[in-house]
Amino acid sequence: METKPFLNGLGLMDEMKSSHFGDDFIGFSIRMVNPKTNIWTIYWADTSSPENYLKEQVIGAFKNGIGEFYGKELYLGKEYKLKFTWKKKSENTALWEQAYFDEKAKEWETNWTMEFTRQN
């Protein structure tokens, strides 16, 4: 996956390909920051749900090197609370986690993680 900045750093976009979700799965995100509030909005589109192309997925901010972003996800006709967490592990690495809120257990359940390394 390659991340590309645009609009002088006000946004980032990336495309992800994975066989985990099927041979032809491609995901695409656009992350935009409001420079006055430092609030980020992440938009998402993928080949598994073409009827929902480029939907607003989560909104949040970074504080002390950790980004927390919240939204909702429709899955199999039911809406779930969604959270993304970004953590800077080192100058060149970061960890991303996706979690859904388990209403019965009243806790966030992480279901997907990715580690990123900056390419020089």
Protein backbone atom coordinates (compact mmCIF):
# COMPACT_ATOMS: atom_id res chain seq x y z
CA MET A 1 0.00 0.00 0.00
CA GLU A 2 1.27 3.42 -0.91
CA THR A 3 0.03 6.61 0.73
CA LYS A 4 0.03 9.78 -1.35
CA PRO A 5 -0.45 13.28 0.08
CA PHE A 6 -2.53 15.87 -1.80
CA LEU A 7 -3.71 19.48 -1.35
CA ASN A 8 -0.39 20.46 0.26
CA GLY A 9 -0.78 17.83 2.99
CA LEU A 10 -4.43 18.49 3.87
CA GLY A 11 -5.24 15.02 2.62
CA LEU A 12 -3.82 11.55 2.15
CA MET A 13 -5.04 8.79 -0.12
CA ASP A 14 -4.13 5.14 -0.43
CA GLU A 15 -5.18 2.00 -2.21
CA MET A 16 -5.00 -1.43 -0.62
CA LYS A 17 -5.18 -4.79 -2.38
CA SER A 18 -5.81 -8.03 -0.50
CA SER A 19 -6.69 -11.61 -1.28
CA HIS A 20 -8.08 -11.99 2.26
CA PHE A 21 -11.48 -10.67 1.14
CA GLY A 22 -11.45 -12.31 -2.29
CA ASP A 23 -9.11 -12.37 -5.24
CA ASP A 24 -10.08 -8.95 -6.57
CA PHE A 25 -10.58 -6.94 -3.35
CA ILE A 26 -9.36 -3.36 -3.53
CA GLY A 27 -9.94 -0.76 -0.83
CA PHE A 28 -9.37 2.97 -1.19
CA SER A 29 -9.27 5.64 1.50
CA ILE A 30 -9.11 9.42 1.51
CA ARG A 31 -8.19 11.13 4.75
CA MET A 32 -8.81 14.88 5.00
CA VAL A 33 -7.91 17.22 7.86
CA ASN A 34 -9.62 20.50 8.73
CA PRO A 35 -6.60 22.74 9.44
CA LYS A 36 -8.61 24.98 11.80
CA THR A 37 -9.83 22.17 14.09
CA ASN A 38 -7.29 19.40 13.34
CA ILE A 39 -10.26 17.03 12.96
CA TRP A 40 -9.75 14.31 10.35
CA THR A 41 -12.47 12.66 8.28
CA ILE A 42 -11.72 9.32 6.65
CA TYR A 43 -13.65 8.28 3.56
CA TRP A 44 -13.64 4.67 2.27
CA ALA A 45 -14.63 2.76 -0.85
CA ASP A 46 -14.01 -0.85 -1.84
CA THR A 47 -14.86 -3.35 -4.51
CA SER A 48 -16.97 -5.51 -2.19
CA SER A 49 -19.65 -2.83 -1.79
CA PRO A 50 -19.75 -0.74 -4.99
CA GLU A 51 -23.17 0.66 -4.04
CA ASN A 52 -21.50 2.53 -1.16
CA TYR A 53 -18.60 4.10 -2.98
CA LEU A 54 -16.70 6.79 -1.08
CA LYS A 55 -18.65 6.87 2.14
CA GLU A 56 -17.70 8.88 5.20
CA GLN A 57 -16.44 6.23 7.59
CA VAL A 58 -14.92 7.77 10.73
CA ILE A 59 -14.06 11.19 12.20
CA GLY A 60 -11.49 12.01 14.88
CA ALA A 61 -8.19 13.57 15.88
CA PHE A 62 -4.66 12.89 17.07
CA LYS A 63 -3.64 13.58 20.66
CA ASN A 64 -0.22 12.72 22.12
CA GLY A 65 0.68 10.60 19.08
CA ILE A 66 -2.51 8.52 19.13
CA GLY A 67 -5.38 9.04 16.71
CA GLU A 68 -8.90 7.95 17.63
CA PHE A 69 -11.64 8.02 15.02
CA TYR A 70 -15.28 7.02 15.46
CA GLY A 71 -18.15 6.23 13.14
CA LYS A 72 -20.73 3.62 12.24
CA GLU A 73 -20.66 0.71 9.82
CA LEU A 74 -23.59 -1.06 8.20
CA TYR A 75 -22.94 -4.81 8.04
CA LEU A 76 -25.51 -7.39 6.96
CA GLY A 77 -28.30 -4.88 7.53
CA LYS A 78 -27.25 -3.93 11.07
CA GLU A 79 -25.44 -0.79 12.18
CA TYR A 80 -22.36 -1.12 14.42
CA LYS A 81 -20.23 1.44 16.25
CA LEU A 82 -16.79 1.57 14.63
CA LYS A 83 -13.44 2.83 15.92
CA PHE A 84 -10.07 3.28 14.21
CA THR A 85 -6.91 3.81 16.27
CA TRP A 86 -3.59 5.01 14.86
CA LYS A 87 -0.48 4.72 17.04
CA LYS A 88 2.98 5.96 16.14
CA LYS A 89 5.37 3.17 17.10
CA SER A 90 8.59 4.86 15.95
CA GLU A 91 9.71 7.60 13.59
CA ASN A 92 9.07 5.28 10.62
CA THR A 93 6.37 2.87 11.81
CA ALA A 94 2.72 3.04 12.81
CA LEU A 95 0.01 0.63 13.95
CA TRP A 96 -3.62 0.83 12.81
CA GLU A 97 -6.49 -1.03 14.48
CA GLN A 98 -10.16 -1.37 13.62
CA ALA A 99 -12.65 -2.29 16.34
CA TYR A 100 -16.38 -2.71 16.70
CA PHE A 101 -18.31 -2.06 19.89
CA ASP A 102 -19.74 -5.24 21.42
CA GLU A 103 -23.03 -4.12 22.95
CA LYS A 104 -23.36 -7.24 25.13
CA ALA A 105 -19.84 -7.06 26.60
CA LYS A 106 -19.83 -3.23 26.56
CA GLU A 107 -16.29 -3.13 25.12
CA TRP A 108 -14.42 -2.55 21.88
CA GLU A 109 -13.44 -5.72 20.00
CA THR A 110 -10.48 -5.33 17.64
CA ASN A 111 -10.97 -7.33 14.46
CA TRP A 112 -8.26 -6.00 12.15
CA THR A 113 -4.76 -4.59 12.60
CA MET A 114 -2.10 -3.38 10.16
CA GLU A 115 1.47 -2.26 10.71
CA PHE A 116 2.96 0.41 8.44
CA THR A 117 6.62 1.14 7.67
CA ARG A 118 7.74 4.27 5.84
CA GLN A 119 9.59 3.55 2.59
CA ASN A 120 12.48 5.92 1.90
